[in-house]
Amino acid sequence: MSAYVQIRARGADALPFLQGQLTNDLALLGDDGVQLSAWCNPKGRVIAFLRVSRAGEDLRLALPAALGDAVVAGLLRYRFRAKVEFVLEVVENAALGLPDDADGASEDWLHRNLLGGIPDIGPGQSEAFTPHMLNLDRLDAISLDKGCYTGQEIVARTHFRGATKRRMLRFRSDAPVAAGDAVTQGDRKIGDVVNAIGPDLLAVVPIDGADDVLSVGDATLTRASLPYSLE
């Protein structure tokens, strides 16, 4: 079973409905591209991190399988009279931006994403972080001028006030850790592991102090670089 699924959004109002829900600007989505985006709650916390693509007149939202049913149910609560339907499907490689002969959402693919500073948000991380904490502004997953969407006011305020004191950073660990584990500085919890594969992990921690001695349980963390700047 794939680690990912896709939600197919179809109907006359599919695009305008999702334009009012997701953080990125769907008007910029080409026929063959895959756009990173997020669906937030009204408090500006990321419910799901998505890969959005077109499939003819439909839109596809690729996301971790463990969140599929909950995201469909949540979107339906916002639908009201909009002419849009959501169907949960087996994910297509094209919805992940992969060639047809690739191994889909394999652990190698997930590991490459982790090393690239791209989060993988499951049920344990849903509604825990703002888009800026997950570096979505650095991943071109946020539009600041497309108009309103759920959580937009808080996302925009965070951006323009430069109020992001916690960011997702990459580390290496000398012992196994897991998504959801607490990152500590001495006896004090300062952050959370977002994803972990082998010795590599992404964790949301305060920027100040990120180079201090940090731990996850008995494991010691060493900071590693990201392929994009947080300055």
Protein backbone atom coordinates (compact mmCIF):
# COMPACT_ATOMS: atom_id res chain seq x y z
CA MET A 1 0.00 0.00 0.00
CA SER A 2 1.36 3.41 -0.99
CA ALA A 3 2.28 5.90 1.68
CA TYR A 4 0.33 8.46 -0.34
CA VAL A 5 -3.14 8.79 -1.85
CA GLN A 6 -4.76 11.47 -3.97
CA ILE A 7 -8.03 13.33 -3.63
CA ARG A 8 -9.62 14.06 -6.98
CA ALA A 9 -11.65 17.28 -6.91
CA ARG A 10 -14.18 17.48 -9.73
CA GLY A 11 -17.06 19.76 -10.58
CA ALA A 12 -17.69 23.27 -11.91
CA ASP A 13 -16.56 24.90 -8.65
CA ALA A 14 -13.53 22.70 -7.92
CA LEU A 15 -10.94 25.36 -8.73
CA PRO A 16 -12.61 28.38 -7.08
CA PHE A 17 -13.49 26.31 -4.02
CA LEU A 18 -9.93 25.10 -3.52
CA GLN A 19 -8.57 28.56 -4.33
CA GLY A 20 -10.43 29.72 -1.23
CA GLN A 21 -8.98 26.93 0.90
CA LEU A 22 -5.33 26.36 -0.05
CA THR A 23 -2.32 28.58 0.62
CA ASN A 24 -0.97 28.67 -2.94
CA ASP A 25 -2.38 30.33 -6.05
CA LEU A 26 -4.07 27.72 -8.24
CA ALA A 27 -4.27 30.23 -11.08
CA LEU A 28 -0.52 29.66 -11.52
CA LEU A 29 -0.84 25.88 -11.79
CA GLY A 30 0.00 24.61 -15.27
CA ASP A 31 -1.40 21.53 -16.98
CA ASP A 32 1.74 19.48 -16.36
CA GLY A 33 3.08 20.96 -13.14
CA VAL A 34 2.83 20.00 -9.49
CA GLN A 35 2.32 22.80 -6.99
CA LEU A 36 3.16 22.59 -3.30
CA SER A 37 0.43 23.98 -1.07
CA ALA A 38 -1.17 23.57 2.33
CA TRP A 39 -4.65 23.47 3.77
CA CYS A 40 -4.86 25.34 7.07
CA ASN A 41 -7.42 25.66 9.82
CA PRO A 42 -8.82 29.12 10.72
CA LYS A 43 -5.98 29.57 13.24
CA GLY A 44 -3.43 29.27 10.44
CA ARG A 45 -2.18 25.81 11.43
CA VAL A 46 -1.40 23.32 8.67
CA ILE A 47 -3.94 20.51 8.49
CA ALA A 48 -2.31 18.91 5.45
CA PHE A 49 0.64 19.59 3.19
CA LEU A 50 -0.35 18.84 -0.41
CA ARG A 51 0.93 18.37 -3.93
CA VAL A 52 -1.65 19.83 -6.31
CA SER A 53 -1.89 19.03 -10.01
CA ARG A 54 -4.37 19.12 -12.86
CA ALA A 55 -5.95 16.03 -14.42
CA GLY A 56 -7.95 17.38 -17.34
CA GLU A 57 -10.78 19.41 -15.80
CA ASP A 58 -10.16 17.89 -12.35
CA LEU A 59 -7.62 18.74 -9.67
CA ARG A 60 -5.59 16.18 -7.73
CA LEU A 61 -4.41 16.66 -4.17
CA ALA A 62 -1.67 14.18 -3.22
CA LEU A 63 -1.11 13.65 0.51
CA PRO A 64 -0.14 10.97 3.04
CA ALA A 65 -2.65 8.12 3.04
CA ALA A 66 -3.21 8.38 6.79
CA LEU A 67 -4.79 11.83 6.33
CA GLY A 68 -6.90 11.11 3.24
CA ASP A 69 -10.27 10.37 4.85
CA ALA A 70 -9.97 13.19 7.39
CA VAL A 71 -9.09 15.79 4.74
CA VAL A 72 -11.97 14.72 2.50
CA ALA A 73 -14.38 14.99 5.45
CA GLY A 74 -12.96 18.38 6.41
CA LEU A 75 -13.23 19.82 2.91
CA LEU A 76 -16.83 18.63 2.68
CA ARG A 77 -17.66 20.63 5.82
CA TYR A 78 -16.62 23.80 3.96
CA ARG A 79 -18.34 22.91 0.69
CA PHE A 80 -21.85 24.30 1.40
CA ARG A 81 -23.42 24.84 -2.07
CA ALA A 82 -20.22 24.70 -4.11
CA LYS A 83 -20.42 22.28 -7.05
CA VAL A 84 -17.45 20.11 -6.19
CA GLU A 85 -16.97 16.45 -5.30
CA PHE A 86 -14.00 14.74 -3.69
CA VAL A 87 -12.97 11.17 -4.48
CA LEU A 88 -10.16 9.36 -2.68
CA GLU A 89 -7.99 7.41 -5.14
CA VAL A 90 -4.77 5.47 -5.50
CA VAL A 91 -2.07 8.06 -6.08
CA GLU A 92 -0.69 8.53 -9.59
CA ASN A 93 2.99 9.21 -10.13
CA ALA A 94 2.07 12.35 -12.06
CA ALA A 95 0.35 13.69 -8.94
CA LEU A 96 3.68 13.41 -7.12
CA GLY A 97 5.69 14.95 -9.95
CA LEU A 98 7.29 11.60 -10.76
CA PRO A 99 7.74 9.81 -14.10
CA ASP A 100 5.43 6.89 -14.86
CA ASP A 101 8.12 4.26 -14.28
CA ALA A 102 9.20 5.61 -10.86
CA ASP A 103 8.59 3.75 -7.60
CA GLY A 104 5.86 6.12 -6.44
CA ALA A 105 5.95 7.37 -2.86
CA SER A 106 8.72 4.98 -1.84
CA GLU A 107 10.91 5.41 1.23
CA ASP A 108 13.71 6.58 -1.08
CA TRP A 109 11.42 9.33 -2.42
CA LEU A 110 10.36 10.30 1.11
CA HIS A 111 14.02 10.37 2.18
CA ARG A 112 14.95 12.64 -0.73
CA ASN A 113 12.16 14.99 0.30
CA LEU A 114 13.41 15.01 3.88
CA LEU A 115 16.95 15.85 2.76
CA GLY A 116 15.44 18.59 0.60
CA GLY A 117 13.71 20.14 3.59
CA ILE A 118 10.23 19.16 2.39
CA PRO A 119 7.96 18.04 5.23
CA ASP A 120 5.70 15.01 5.30
CA ILE A 121 2.71 15.84 7.52
CA GLY A 122 0.82 12.93 9.07
CA PRO A 123 -1.95 12.77 11.68
CA GLY A 124 0.48 13.41 14.53
CA GLN A 125 1.64 16.68 12.96
CA SER A 126 -1.69 17.88 11.56
CA GLU A 127 -2.69 21.28 12.99
CA ALA A 128 0.53 21.48 15.04
CA PHE A 129 2.52 23.99 12.94
CA THR A 130 2.05 27.18 10.96
CA PRO A 131 3.19 27.24 7.32
CA HIS A 132 6.18 29.40 8.24
CA MET A 133 7.31 26.95 10.92
CA LEU A 134 7.43 24.31 8.16
CA ASN A 135 9.34 26.67 5.82
CA LEU A 136 6.50 26.65 3.30
CA ASP A 137 7.32 30.25 2.43
CA ARG A 138 10.77 29.01 1.32
CA LEU A 139 9.22 26.15 -0.67
CA ASP A 140 7.01 28.47 -2.75
CA ALA A 141 3.92 26.91 -1.18
CA ILE A 142 2.35 30.21 -0.03
CA SER A 143 0.83 33.02 -2.09
CA LEU A 144 0.73 36.40 -0.36
CA ASP A 145 -1.33 38.24 -2.97
CA LYS A 146 -3.99 35.83 -4.31
CA GLY A 147 -6.74 36.87 -1.88
CA CYS A 148 -8.47 35.17 1.01
CA TYR A 149 -8.23 31.53 2.00
CA THR A 150 -8.79 29.73 5.28
CA GLY A 151 -6.14 30.90 7.75
CA GLN A 152 -4.84 33.57 5.35
CA GLU A 153 -5.01 36.48 7.79
CA ILE A 154 -2.74 34.78 10.31
CA VAL A 155 -0.36 33.48 7.63
CA ALA A 156 -0.01 36.97 6.12
CA ARG A 157 0.44 38.63 9.52
CA THR A 158 3.21 36.17 10.41
CA HIS A 159 4.97 36.86 7.12
CA PHE A 160 4.82 40.64 7.08
CA ARG A 161 5.68 41.04 10.75
CA GLY A 162 8.61 38.67 10.42
CA ALA A 163 7.38 36.88 13.52
CA THR A 164 8.71 33.40 12.75
CA LYS A 165 10.95 32.46 15.65
CA ARG A 166 10.57 28.70 15.14
CA ARG A 167 11.61 26.96 11.94
CA MET A 168 11.93 23.44 10.58
CA LEU A 169 15.63 22.54 10.53
CA ARG A 170 17.48 19.42 9.46
CA PHE A 171 19.52 17.35 11.88
CA ARG A 172 21.30 14.01 12.10
CA SER A 173 20.83 11.76 15.11
CA ASP A 174 23.19 9.22 16.66
CA ALA A 175 20.27 6.97 17.67
CA PRO A 176 16.80 6.21 16.26
CA VAL A 177 14.10 8.87 16.66
CA ALA A 178 10.53 9.13 15.35
CA ALA A 179 8.11 11.76 14.10
CA GLY A 180 6.38 13.38 17.05
CA ASP A 181 9.28 12.91 19.48
CA ALA A 182 10.19 15.89 21.63
CA VAL A 183 13.40 17.83 21.01
CA THR A 184 14.98 18.93 24.28
CA GLN A 185 17.68 21.33 25.41
CA GLY A 186 18.82 19.97 28.74
CA ASP A 187 15.64 19.17 30.64
CA ARG A 188 13.50 21.61 28.65
CA LYS A 189 11.39 20.69 25.62
CA ILE A 190 11.98 23.19 22.83
CA GLY A 191 10.61 21.51 19.72
CA ASP A 192 9.21 18.51 17.87
CA VAL A 193 10.44 16.03 15.30
CA VAL A 194 8.44 16.38 12.09
CA ASN A 195 9.92 13.51 10.05
CA ALA A 196 12.69 10.98 10.65
CA ILE A 197 14.21 8.39 8.32
CA GLY A 198 17.33 6.60 9.49
CA PRO A 199 19.70 9.11 11.08
CA ASP A 200 18.15 12.05 9.23
CA LEU A 201 15.32 14.17 10.61
CA LEU A 202 13.46 17.43 10.30
CA ALA A 203 12.42 19.18 13.51
CA VAL A 204 10.69 22.46 14.35
CA VAL A 205 12.78 24.30 16.93
CA PRO A 206 13.55 27.92 17.89
CA ILE A 207 16.05 29.46 15.48
CA ASP A 208 17.96 30.97 18.39
CA GLY A 209 19.67 28.09 20.12
CA ALA A 210 19.39 25.66 17.20
CA ASP A 211 23.16 25.20 17.25
CA ASP A 212 23.24 24.37 20.96
CA VAL A 213 23.35 20.79 22.25
CA LEU A 214 19.95 19.32 21.44
CA SER A 215 18.60 15.85 22.15
CA VAL A 216 15.71 13.53 21.42
CA GLY A 217 15.54 11.10 24.31
CA ASP A 218 19.00 9.55 24.56
CA ALA A 219 19.91 10.61 21.01
CA THR A 220 22.13 13.64 20.38
CA LEU A 221 21.36 15.83 17.37
CA THR A 222 23.83 17.44 15.00
CA ARG A 223 22.54 20.24 12.81
CA ALA A 224 22.74 19.65 9.04
CA SER A 225 22.22 22.02 6.14
CA LEU A 226 19.08 22.69 4.13
CA PRO A 227 19.14 23.33 0.36
CA TYR A 228 17.40 26.69 0.82
CA SER A 229 18.08 29.76 2.94
CA LEU A 230 16.03 30.75 5.97
CA GLU A 231 17.51 34.27 6.07
